Amino acid sequence: MSTPTPLTLPDGRRFPLLTGGERPLLESWLDFHRATLELKCAGLDDAQLRCASAEPSTLTLLGLLQHLTEVERNWFQRAFGDTRMPPVFEEQTGYRLSPERGIEETLAVWRREIARGREVCAGRSLDDVGRIPGHNPWAGTEVSLRWVYVHMIEEYARHNGHADIVRERIDGATGF
């Protein structure tokens, strides 16, 4: 099988692989959705990043980025590493905003969590299992790394849909 050639979109994002092995395909889709979220936040000031989608929702782009930082830690580091790791931010879900935490700090922490998750999963098989973290009815149940990748793609895709709506409300930008 030949090595797939990555395609790059005009905005600089790498399009997910169209051919290749299962893990590179899953990783490319996850990376594409991560890049899409970052793009949704690009070029906005602090007030815009804190602009809520529509009442009564308090959902913001900065809140989505914080939430997905927590999700990164939860599904890669907690499920396949230390299940007792504390939340990244003091807010359990990450959606609530702290006045002193802006986009640069949030992006840096998000990128760090992605890098740590990659380290935890490096060398693991998609069939390797971890344990569902948290305090829910499924906590402690075995989960494959394959399932986690699929779930993370779904999680980002869903929240990128939310980000589309929030961004359009802020400045009318759509379609990226």
N, C-alpha and C. Protein backbone atom coordinates (compact mmCIF):
# COMPACT_ATOMS: atom_id res chain seq x y z
N MET A 1 0.84 -1.17 0.00
CA MET A 1 0.00 0.00 0.00
C MET A 1 0.89 1.23 0.00
N SER A 2 0.62 2.17 -0.87
CA SER A 2 1.42 3.38 -0.94
C SER A 2 1.03 4.33 0.20
N THR A 3 1.96 5.23 0.51
CA THR A 3 1.70 6.22 1.54
C THR A 3 0.75 7.27 0.99
N PRO A 4 -0.36 7.51 1.68
CA PRO A 4 -1.31 8.50 1.18
C PRO A 4 -0.71 9.91 1.22
N THR A 5 -1.06 10.70 0.23
CA THR A 5 -0.59 12.08 0.17
C THR A 5 -1.63 12.97 0.84
N PRO A 6 -1.22 13.70 1.89
CA PRO A 6 -2.19 14.56 2.55
C PRO A 6 -2.56 15.75 1.66
N LEU A 7 -3.83 16.10 1.68
CA LEU A 7 -4.32 17.27 0.96
C LEU A 7 -4.44 18.43 1.95
N THR A 8 -4.11 19.62 1.48
CA THR A 8 -4.20 20.79 2.33
C THR A 8 -5.26 21.74 1.78
N LEU A 9 -6.14 22.18 2.64
CA LEU A 9 -7.19 23.11 2.26
C LEU A 9 -6.61 24.53 2.15
N PRO A 10 -7.28 25.43 1.44
CA PRO A 10 -6.77 26.81 1.31
C PRO A 10 -6.54 27.51 2.65
N ASP A 11 -7.28 27.12 3.70
CA ASP A 11 -7.10 27.76 5.01
C ASP A 11 -5.94 27.15 5.80
N GLY A 12 -5.24 26.16 5.22
CA GLY A 12 -4.08 25.56 5.86
C GLY A 12 -4.33 24.26 6.59
N ARG A 13 -5.59 23.90 6.78
CA ARG A 13 -5.87 22.63 7.46
C ARG A 13 -5.56 21.46 6.54
N ARG A 14 -5.05 20.40 7.14
CA ARG A 14 -4.84 19.17 6.38
C ARG A 14 -6.15 18.42 6.32
N PHE A 15 -6.57 18.09 5.12
CA PHE A 15 -7.79 17.32 4.93
C PHE A 15 -7.52 15.89 5.40
N PRO A 16 -8.50 15.24 6.02
CA PRO A 16 -8.29 13.86 6.47
C PRO A 16 -7.88 12.94 5.32
N LEU A 17 -7.06 11.97 5.65
CA LEU A 17 -6.60 11.01 4.65
C LEU A 17 -7.79 10.33 3.97
N LEU A 18 -7.63 10.04 2.71
CA LEU A 18 -8.67 9.37 1.94
C LEU A 18 -8.40 7.88 1.79
N THR A 19 -7.15 7.49 2.00
CA THR A 19 -6.75 6.09 1.95
C THR A 19 -5.70 5.86 3.02
N GLY A 20 -5.44 4.59 3.30
CA GLY A 20 -4.41 4.27 4.27
C GLY A 20 -4.93 3.39 5.38
N GLY A 21 -4.08 3.17 6.33
CA GLY A 21 -4.42 2.31 7.46
C GLY A 21 -5.44 2.95 8.38
N GLU A 22 -6.06 2.11 9.19
CA GLU A 22 -7.12 2.57 10.07
C GLU A 22 -6.65 3.64 11.06
N ARG A 23 -5.54 3.41 11.73
CA ARG A 23 -5.10 4.39 12.73
C ARG A 23 -4.73 5.72 12.09
N PRO A 24 -3.94 5.74 11.00
CA PRO A 24 -3.66 7.04 10.38
C PRO A 24 -4.94 7.76 9.92
N LEU A 25 -5.93 7.01 9.44
CA LEU A 25 -7.20 7.62 9.05
C LEU A 25 -7.90 8.25 10.26
N LEU A 26 -8.01 7.50 11.34
CA LEU A 26 -8.65 8.02 12.55
C LEU A 26 -7.90 9.24 13.08
N GLU A 27 -6.58 9.15 13.15
CA GLU A 27 -5.79 10.28 13.65
C GLU A 27 -5.94 11.50 12.75
N SER A 28 -6.00 11.28 11.43
CA SER A 28 -6.13 12.43 10.53
C SER A 28 -7.49 13.10 10.67
N TRP A 29 -8.55 12.32 10.89
CA TRP A 29 -9.86 12.91 11.12
C TRP A 29 -9.90 13.69 12.43
N LEU A 30 -9.30 13.14 13.47
CA LEU A 30 -9.28 13.85 14.74
C LEU A 30 -8.47 15.13 14.63
N ASP A 31 -7.32 15.06 13.98
CA ASP A 31 -6.50 16.27 13.79
C ASP A 31 -7.23 17.32 12.95
N PHE A 32 -7.99 16.88 11.95
CA PHE A 32 -8.76 17.81 11.13
C PHE A 32 -9.79 18.55 11.99
N HIS A 33 -10.48 17.81 12.85
CA HIS A 33 -11.48 18.46 13.69
C HIS A 33 -10.85 19.36 14.75
N ARG A 34 -9.70 18.98 15.26
CA ARG A 34 -8.99 19.87 16.18
C ARG A 34 -8.62 21.17 15.48
N ALA A 35 -8.09 21.06 14.27
CA ALA A 35 -7.70 22.25 13.50
C ALA A 35 -8.91 23.11 13.16
N THR A 36 -10.05 22.47 12.92
CA THR A 36 -11.27 23.21 12.61
C THR A 36 -11.70 24.05 13.82
N LEU A 37 -11.66 23.47 15.01
CA LEU A 37 -12.02 24.23 16.20
C LEU A 37 -11.08 25.42 16.38
N GLU A 38 -9.79 25.18 16.20
CA GLU A 38 -8.83 26.28 16.35
C GLU A 38 -9.11 27.38 15.32
N LEU A 39 -9.45 26.99 14.12
CA LEU A 39 -9.77 27.96 13.07
C LEU A 39 -11.01 28.77 13.43
N LYS A 40 -12.00 28.13 14.05
CA LYS A 40 -13.22 28.84 14.46
C LYS A 40 -12.91 29.94 15.47
N CYS A 41 -11.85 29.78 16.23
CA CYS A 41 -11.47 30.76 17.25
C CYS A 41 -10.50 31.82 16.72
N ALA A 42 -9.93 31.59 15.57
CA ALA A 42 -8.88 32.46 15.05
C ALA A 42 -9.41 33.84 14.67
N GLY A 43 -8.60 34.85 14.98
CA GLY A 43 -8.89 36.22 14.56
C GLY A 43 -9.93 36.94 15.39
N LEU A 44 -10.36 36.35 16.49
CA LEU A 44 -11.36 37.00 17.34
C LEU A 44 -10.70 37.55 18.60
N ASP A 45 -11.25 38.63 19.12
CA ASP A 45 -10.72 39.18 20.36
C ASP A 45 -11.38 38.48 21.55
N ASP A 46 -10.93 38.83 22.75
CA ASP A 46 -11.39 38.16 23.96
C ASP A 46 -12.90 38.28 24.13
N ALA A 47 -13.44 39.46 23.90
CA ALA A 47 -14.88 39.65 24.06
C ALA A 47 -15.66 38.78 23.08
N GLN A 48 -15.19 38.67 21.85
CA GLN A 48 -15.88 37.84 20.86
C GLN A 48 -15.81 36.36 21.23
N LEU A 49 -14.66 35.92 21.74
CA LEU A 49 -14.52 34.51 22.14
C LEU A 49 -15.41 34.16 23.33
N ARG A 50 -15.84 35.18 24.06
CA ARG A 50 -16.71 34.98 25.23
C ARG A 50 -18.17 35.27 24.91
N CYS A 51 -18.46 35.55 23.65
CA CYS A 51 -19.82 35.87 23.22
C CYS A 51 -20.65 34.59 23.19
N ALA A 52 -21.77 34.60 23.93
CA ALA A 52 -22.63 33.42 24.00
C ALA A 52 -23.39 33.23 22.70
N SER A 53 -23.70 31.98 22.41
CA SER A 53 -24.37 31.62 21.16
C SER A 53 -25.73 32.27 21.03
N ALA A 54 -26.62 32.00 21.91
CA ALA A 54 -27.97 32.57 21.90
C ALA A 54 -28.62 32.24 23.23
N GLU A 55 -29.33 33.18 23.79
CA GLU A 55 -29.99 32.92 25.07
C GLU A 55 -30.98 31.79 24.94
N PRO A 56 -31.14 30.96 25.91
CA PRO A 56 -30.56 31.04 27.23
C PRO A 56 -29.18 30.38 27.33
N SER A 57 -28.64 29.86 26.24
CA SER A 57 -27.35 29.18 26.27
C SER A 57 -26.23 30.16 26.62
N THR A 58 -25.27 29.65 27.37
CA THR A 58 -24.07 30.43 27.68
C THR A 58 -22.86 29.88 26.93
N LEU A 59 -23.10 29.04 25.95
CA LEU A 59 -22.03 28.41 25.18
C LEU A 59 -21.22 29.45 24.40
N THR A 60 -19.90 29.38 24.52
CA THR A 60 -19.00 30.30 23.84
C THR A 60 -17.90 29.51 23.15
N LEU A 61 -17.19 30.16 22.24
CA LEU A 61 -16.05 29.50 21.59
C LEU A 61 -14.96 29.19 22.60
N LEU A 62 -14.66 30.12 23.49
CA LEU A 62 -13.64 29.86 24.50
C LEU A 62 -14.08 28.73 25.42
N GLY A 63 -15.36 28.69 25.77
CA GLY A 63 -15.87 27.60 26.59
C GLY A 63 -15.78 26.26 25.89
N LEU A 64 -16.06 26.23 24.58
CA LEU A 64 -15.92 24.98 23.82
C LEU A 64 -14.47 24.50 23.83
N LEU A 65 -13.54 25.43 23.65
CA LEU A 65 -12.12 25.06 23.65
C LEU A 65 -11.71 24.52 25.02
N GLN A 66 -12.18 25.15 26.07
CA GLN A 66 -11.87 24.65 27.42
C GLN A 66 -12.48 23.27 27.64
N HIS A 67 -13.72 23.10 27.22
CA HIS A 67 -14.39 21.80 27.38
C HIS A 67 -13.61 20.71 26.65
N LEU A 68 -13.21 20.98 25.42
CA LEU A 68 -12.50 19.95 24.65
C LEU A 68 -11.11 19.69 25.20
N THR A 69 -10.55 20.63 25.92
CA THR A 69 -9.30 20.39 26.65
C THR A 69 -9.54 19.33 27.72
N GLU A 70 -10.64 19.47 28.45
CA GLU A 70 -11.00 18.47 29.47
C GLU A 70 -11.28 17.12 28.83
N VAL A 71 -11.96 17.12 27.69
CA VAL A 71 -12.28 15.88 26.98
C VAL A 71 -11.00 15.17 26.55
N GLU A 72 -10.03 15.93 26.04
CA GLU A 72 -8.73 15.33 25.66
C GLU A 72 -8.11 14.61 26.84
N ARG A 73 -8.07 15.29 27.98
CA ARG A 73 -7.47 14.67 29.17
C ARG A 73 -8.26 13.43 29.59
N ASN A 74 -9.56 13.56 29.58
CA ASN A 74 -10.42 12.47 30.06
C ASN A 74 -10.23 11.20 29.25
N TRP A 75 -10.34 11.30 27.92
CA TRP A 75 -10.38 10.09 27.12
C TRP A 75 -9.03 9.52 26.76
N PHE A 76 -7.98 10.31 26.77
CA PHE A 76 -6.67 9.73 26.46
C PHE A 76 -5.85 9.51 27.74
N GLN A 77 -5.72 10.53 28.55
CA GLN A 77 -4.85 10.39 29.72
C GLN A 77 -5.51 9.63 30.87
N ARG A 78 -6.78 9.94 31.14
CA ARG A 78 -7.43 9.23 32.24
C ARG A 78 -7.79 7.80 31.86
N ALA A 79 -8.36 7.62 30.68
CA ALA A 79 -8.80 6.27 30.28
C ALA A 79 -7.62 5.32 30.07
N PHE A 80 -6.48 5.85 29.62
CA PHE A 80 -5.34 4.98 29.32
C PHE A 80 -4.13 5.27 30.21
N GLY A 81 -4.34 6.05 31.23
CA GLY A 81 -3.23 6.38 32.12
C GLY A 81 -3.73 6.46 33.55
N ASP A 82 -3.63 7.64 34.12
CA ASP A 82 -3.99 7.88 35.51
C ASP A 82 -5.44 8.34 35.61
N THR A 83 -6.31 7.46 36.05
CA THR A 83 -7.74 7.78 36.13
C THR A 83 -8.04 8.82 37.20
N ARG A 84 -7.09 9.12 38.06
CA ARG A 84 -7.33 10.07 39.14
C ARG A 84 -6.86 11.48 38.83
N MET A 85 -6.47 11.74 37.60
CA MET A 85 -5.99 13.08 37.25
C MET A 85 -7.08 14.12 37.53
N PRO A 86 -6.69 15.27 38.10
CA PRO A 86 -7.69 16.30 38.37
C PRO A 86 -8.13 16.99 37.08
N PRO A 87 -9.21 17.76 37.15
CA PRO A 87 -9.62 18.52 35.97
C PRO A 87 -8.51 19.47 35.54
N VAL A 88 -8.47 19.78 34.27
CA VAL A 88 -7.49 20.73 33.75
C VAL A 88 -7.78 22.11 34.32
N PHE A 89 -9.03 22.51 34.28
CA PHE A 89 -9.47 23.80 34.79
C PHE A 89 -10.29 23.56 36.05
N GLU A 90 -10.40 24.58 36.87
CA GLU A 90 -11.15 24.42 38.12
C GLU A 90 -12.62 24.13 37.86
N GLU A 91 -13.13 24.57 36.73
CA GLU A 91 -14.51 24.29 36.38
C GLU A 91 -14.57 22.85 35.85
N GLN A 92 -15.43 22.05 36.37
CA GLN A 92 -15.46 20.63 36.01
C GLN A 92 -15.68 20.40 34.52
N THR A 93 -16.55 21.14 33.89
CA THR A 93 -16.81 20.91 32.48
C THR A 93 -15.93 21.74 31.58
N GLY A 94 -15.39 22.84 32.11
CA GLY A 94 -14.58 23.73 31.29
C GLY A 94 -15.39 24.77 30.55
N TYR A 95 -16.71 24.65 30.53
CA TYR A 95 -17.53 25.61 29.80
C TYR A 95 -17.55 26.98 30.46
N ARG A 96 -17.58 27.01 31.79
CA ARG A 96 -17.63 28.29 32.50
C ARG A 96 -16.31 29.01 32.34
N LEU A 97 -16.39 30.31 32.15
CA LEU A 97 -15.20 31.08 31.82
C LEU A 97 -14.64 31.80 33.03
N SER A 98 -13.34 31.84 33.09
CA SER A 98 -12.63 32.59 34.10
C SER A 98 -12.18 33.91 33.46
N PRO A 99 -12.40 35.04 34.11
CA PRO A 99 -12.04 36.32 33.49
C PRO A 99 -10.55 36.45 33.17
N GLU A 100 -9.72 35.79 33.94
CA GLU A 100 -8.27 35.93 33.72
C GLU A 100 -7.69 34.96 32.69
N ARG A 101 -8.45 33.97 32.26
CA ARG A 101 -7.93 33.00 31.30
C ARG A 101 -8.41 33.37 29.90
N GLY A 102 -7.47 33.74 29.05
CA GLY A 102 -7.80 34.12 27.68
C GLY A 102 -7.45 33.04 26.68
N ILE A 103 -7.54 33.40 25.42
CA ILE A 103 -7.34 32.44 24.33
C ILE A 103 -5.92 31.89 24.29
N GLU A 104 -4.92 32.72 24.49
CA GLU A 104 -3.54 32.21 24.37
C GLU A 104 -3.24 31.15 25.41
N GLU A 105 -3.65 31.40 26.65
CA GLU A 105 -3.44 30.41 27.71
C GLU A 105 -4.26 29.15 27.43
N THR A 106 -5.50 29.34 27.02
CA THR A 106 -6.38 28.20 26.77
C THR A 106 -5.85 27.35 25.62
N LEU A 107 -5.41 28.00 24.54
CA LEU A 107 -4.83 27.24 23.41
C LEU A 107 -3.58 26.49 23.84
N ALA A 108 -2.73 27.12 24.65
CA ALA A 108 -1.50 26.47 25.10
C ALA A 108 -1.83 25.23 25.94
N VAL A 109 -2.79 25.35 26.84
CA VAL A 109 -3.17 24.21 27.68
C VAL A 109 -3.81 23.12 26.82
N TRP A 110 -4.68 23.50 25.89
CA TRP A 110 -5.31 22.53 24.97
C TRP A 110 -4.25 21.77 24.18
N ARG A 111 -3.29 22.49 23.61
CA ARG A 111 -2.22 21.84 22.84
C ARG A 111 -1.40 20.91 23.72
N ARG A 112 -1.15 21.31 24.95
CA ARG A 112 -0.39 20.46 25.88
C ARG A 112 -1.16 19.17 26.17
N GLU A 113 -2.46 19.25 26.37
CA GLU A 113 -3.26 18.06 26.63
C GLU A 113 -3.28 17.13 25.42
N ILE A 114 -3.34 17.71 24.21
CA ILE A 114 -3.28 16.89 23.00
C ILE A 114 -1.94 16.16 22.94
N ALA A 115 -0.85 16.89 23.19
CA ALA A 115 0.48 16.28 23.14
C ALA A 115 0.62 15.17 24.18
N ARG A 116 0.14 15.40 25.38
CA ARG A 116 0.22 14.37 26.43
C ARG A 116 -0.62 13.15 26.06
N GLY A 117 -1.78 13.38 25.50
CA GLY A 117 -2.61 12.26 25.06
C GLY A 117 -1.92 11.44 23.99
N ARG A 118 -1.26 12.12 23.06
CA ARG A 118 -0.51 11.40 22.02
C ARG A 118 0.61 10.56 22.63
N GLU A 119 1.28 11.11 23.64
CA GLU A 119 2.35 10.36 24.32
C GLU A 119 1.79 9.11 24.99
N VAL A 120 0.67 9.25 25.67
CA VAL A 120 0.05 8.12 26.37
C VAL A 120 -0.32 7.01 25.38
N CYS A 121 -0.78 7.41 24.19
CA CYS A 121 -1.29 6.43 23.22
C CYS A 121 -0.22 5.93 22.25
N ALA A 122 0.92 6.56 22.21
CA ALA A 122 1.98 6.14 21.30
C ALA A 122 2.36 4.69 21.57
N GLY A 123 2.45 3.91 20.54
CA GLY A 123 2.84 2.51 20.68
C GLY A 123 1.71 1.60 21.11
N ARG A 124 0.56 2.14 21.40
CA ARG A 124 -0.59 1.29 21.75
C ARG A 124 -1.31 0.87 20.49
N SER A 125 -1.93 -0.27 20.57
CA SER A 125 -2.76 -0.79 19.49
C SER A 125 -4.16 -0.22 19.63
N LEU A 126 -4.86 -0.12 18.51
CA LEU A 126 -6.26 0.30 18.57
C LEU A 126 -7.11 -0.68 19.37
N ASP A 127 -6.62 -1.91 19.52
CA ASP A 127 -7.33 -2.92 20.30
C ASP A 127 -7.00 -2.87 21.79
N ASP A 128 -5.99 -2.08 22.18
CA ASP A 128 -5.67 -1.94 23.60
C ASP A 128 -6.86 -1.33 24.33
N VAL A 129 -7.00 -1.73 25.58
CA VAL A 129 -8.14 -1.23 26.35
C VAL A 129 -7.68 -0.40 27.54
N GLY A 130 -8.51 0.58 27.82
CA GLY A 130 -8.39 1.39 29.03
C GLY A 130 -9.70 1.24 29.78
N ARG A 131 -9.92 2.14 30.70
CA ARG A 131 -11.15 2.11 31.51
C ARG A 131 -11.86 3.44 31.39
N ILE A 132 -13.16 3.39 31.23
CA ILE A 132 -13.94 4.62 31.18
C ILE A 132 -13.78 5.33 32.51
N PRO A 133 -13.30 6.58 32.45
CA PRO A 133 -13.10 7.32 33.70
C PRO A 133 -14.37 8.01 34.16
N GLY A 134 -14.31 8.53 35.35
CA GLY A 134 -15.39 9.38 35.84
C GLY A 134 -16.26 8.71 36.88
N HIS A 135 -17.34 9.41 37.15
CA HIS A 135 -18.31 8.95 38.14
C HIS A 135 -19.65 8.82 37.42
N ASN A 136 -19.75 7.79 36.64
CA ASN A 136 -20.96 7.55 35.87
C ASN A 136 -21.24 6.05 35.90
N PRO A 137 -22.39 5.62 35.41
CA PRO A 137 -22.71 4.19 35.48
C PRO A 137 -21.73 3.29 34.73
N TRP A 138 -20.96 3.85 33.79
CA TRP A 138 -20.03 3.04 32.99
C TRP A 138 -18.59 3.14 33.48
N ALA A 139 -18.33 3.94 34.49
CA ALA A 139 -16.97 4.11 35.00
C ALA A 139 -16.35 2.75 35.30
N GLY A 140 -15.13 2.59 34.83
CA GLY A 140 -14.40 1.35 35.06
C GLY A 140 -14.60 0.31 33.97
N THR A 141 -15.55 0.52 33.09
CA THR A 141 -15.79 -0.41 31.99
C THR A 141 -14.66 -0.32 30.98
N GLU A 142 -14.26 -1.46 30.45
CA GLU A 142 -13.19 -1.46 29.44
C GLU A 142 -13.66 -0.76 28.17
N VAL A 143 -12.72 -0.03 27.56
CA VAL A 143 -12.99 0.69 26.31
C VAL A 143 -11.73 0.59 25.46
N SER A 144 -11.91 0.32 24.17
CA SER A 144 -10.74 0.21 23.30
C SER A 144 -10.26 1.59 22.85
N LEU A 145 -9.00 1.66 22.49
CA LEU A 145 -8.46 2.90 21.95
C LEU A 145 -9.17 3.26 20.65
N ARG A 146 -9.55 2.27 19.88
CA ARG A 146 -10.31 2.51 18.64
C ARG A 146 -11.61 3.26 18.96
N TRP A 147 -12.34 2.80 19.97
CA TRP A 147 -13.59 3.43 20.37
C TRP A 147 -13.34 4.87 20.80
N VAL A 148 -12.26 5.09 21.53
CA VAL A 148 -11.95 6.44 22.00
C VAL A 148 -11.68 7.37 20.82
N TYR A 149 -10.92 6.90 19.82
CA TYR A 149 -10.70 7.73 18.63
C TYR A 149 -12.02 8.08 17.95
N VAL A 150 -12.88 7.09 17.76
CA VAL A 150 -14.16 7.35 17.11
C VAL A 150 -14.98 8.33 17.95
N HIS A 151 -15.00 8.13 19.25
CA HIS A 151 -15.74 9.03 20.13
C HIS A 151 -15.17 10.46 20.06
N MET A 152 -13.87 10.59 20.07
CA MET A 152 -13.26 11.93 20.02
C MET A 152 -13.58 12.63 18.70
N ILE A 153 -13.59 11.91 17.60
CA ILE A 153 -13.97 12.50 16.31
C ILE A 153 -15.42 12.99 16.40
N GLU A 154 -16.28 12.16 16.94
CA GLU A 154 -17.70 12.53 17.10
C GLU A 154 -17.84 13.73 18.02
N GLU A 155 -17.11 13.76 19.10
CA GLU A 155 -17.19 14.86 20.08
C GLU A 155 -16.77 16.18 19.43
N TYR A 156 -15.64 16.17 18.74
CA TYR A 156 -15.19 17.39 18.07
C TYR A 156 -16.15 17.79 16.95
N ALA A 157 -16.62 16.83 16.16
CA ALA A 157 -17.53 17.16 15.05
C ALA A 157 -18.80 17.82 15.58
N ARG A 158 -19.35 17.27 16.64
CA ARG A 158 -20.56 17.85 17.24
C ARG A 158 -20.31 19.26 17.72
N HIS A 159 -19.21 19.44 18.45
CA HIS A 159 -18.92 20.77 18.98
C HIS A 159 -18.46 21.75 17.90
N ASN A 160 -17.88 21.25 16.84
CA ASN A 160 -17.55 22.14 15.72
C ASN A 160 -18.83 22.66 15.06
N GLY A 161 -19.89 21.87 15.07
CA GLY A 161 -21.18 22.36 14.61
C GLY A 161 -21.68 23.50 15.48
N HIS A 162 -21.51 23.34 16.80
CA HIS A 162 -21.87 24.44 17.71
C HIS A 162 -21.00 25.66 17.41
N ALA A 163 -19.71 25.42 17.21
CA ALA A 163 -18.78 26.53 16.94
C ALA A 163 -19.15 27.26 15.66
N ASP A 164 -19.63 26.53 14.65
CA ASP A 164 -20.09 27.16 13.41
C ASP A 164 -21.16 28.21 13.71
N ILE A 165 -22.13 27.82 14.52
CA ILE A 165 -23.25 28.71 14.83
C ILE A 165 -22.77 29.91 15.64
N VAL A 166 -21.93 29.67 16.65
CA VAL A 166 -21.43 30.77 17.47
C VAL A 166 -20.62 31.74 16.62
N ARG A 167 -19.73 31.21 15.79
CA ARG A 167 -18.89 32.07 14.97
C ARG A 167 -19.74 32.88 13.99
N GLU A 168 -20.73 32.27 13.39
CA GLU A 168 -21.60 33.00 12.46
C GLU A 168 -22.31 34.14 13.19
N ARG A 169 -22.73 33.90 14.43
CA ARG A 169 -23.40 34.95 15.19
C ARG A 169 -22.43 36.10 15.49
N ILE A 170 -21.18 35.80 15.73
CA ILE A 170 -20.20 36.82 16.09
C ILE A 170 -19.88 37.74 14.92
N ASP A 171 -19.50 37.14 13.78
CA ASP A 171 -19.02 37.99 12.66
C ASP A 171 -19.52 37.55 11.30
N GLY A 172 -20.46 36.61 11.28
CA GLY A 172 -21.02 36.19 9.99
C GLY A 172 -20.19 35.17 9.23
N ALA A 173 -19.02 34.80 9.76
CA ALA A 173 -18.15 33.85 9.07
C ALA A 173 -18.79 32.47 9.06
N THR A 174 -18.83 31.84 7.89
CA THR A 174 -19.40 30.51 7.75
C THR A 174 -18.54 29.70 6.79
N GLY A 175 -18.79 28.41 6.80
CA GLY A 175 -18.25 27.54 5.76
C GLY A 175 -16.80 27.15 5.86
N PHE A 176 -16.23 27.17 7.03
CA PHE A 176 -14.86 26.68 7.12
C PHE A 176 -14.73 25.67 8.21
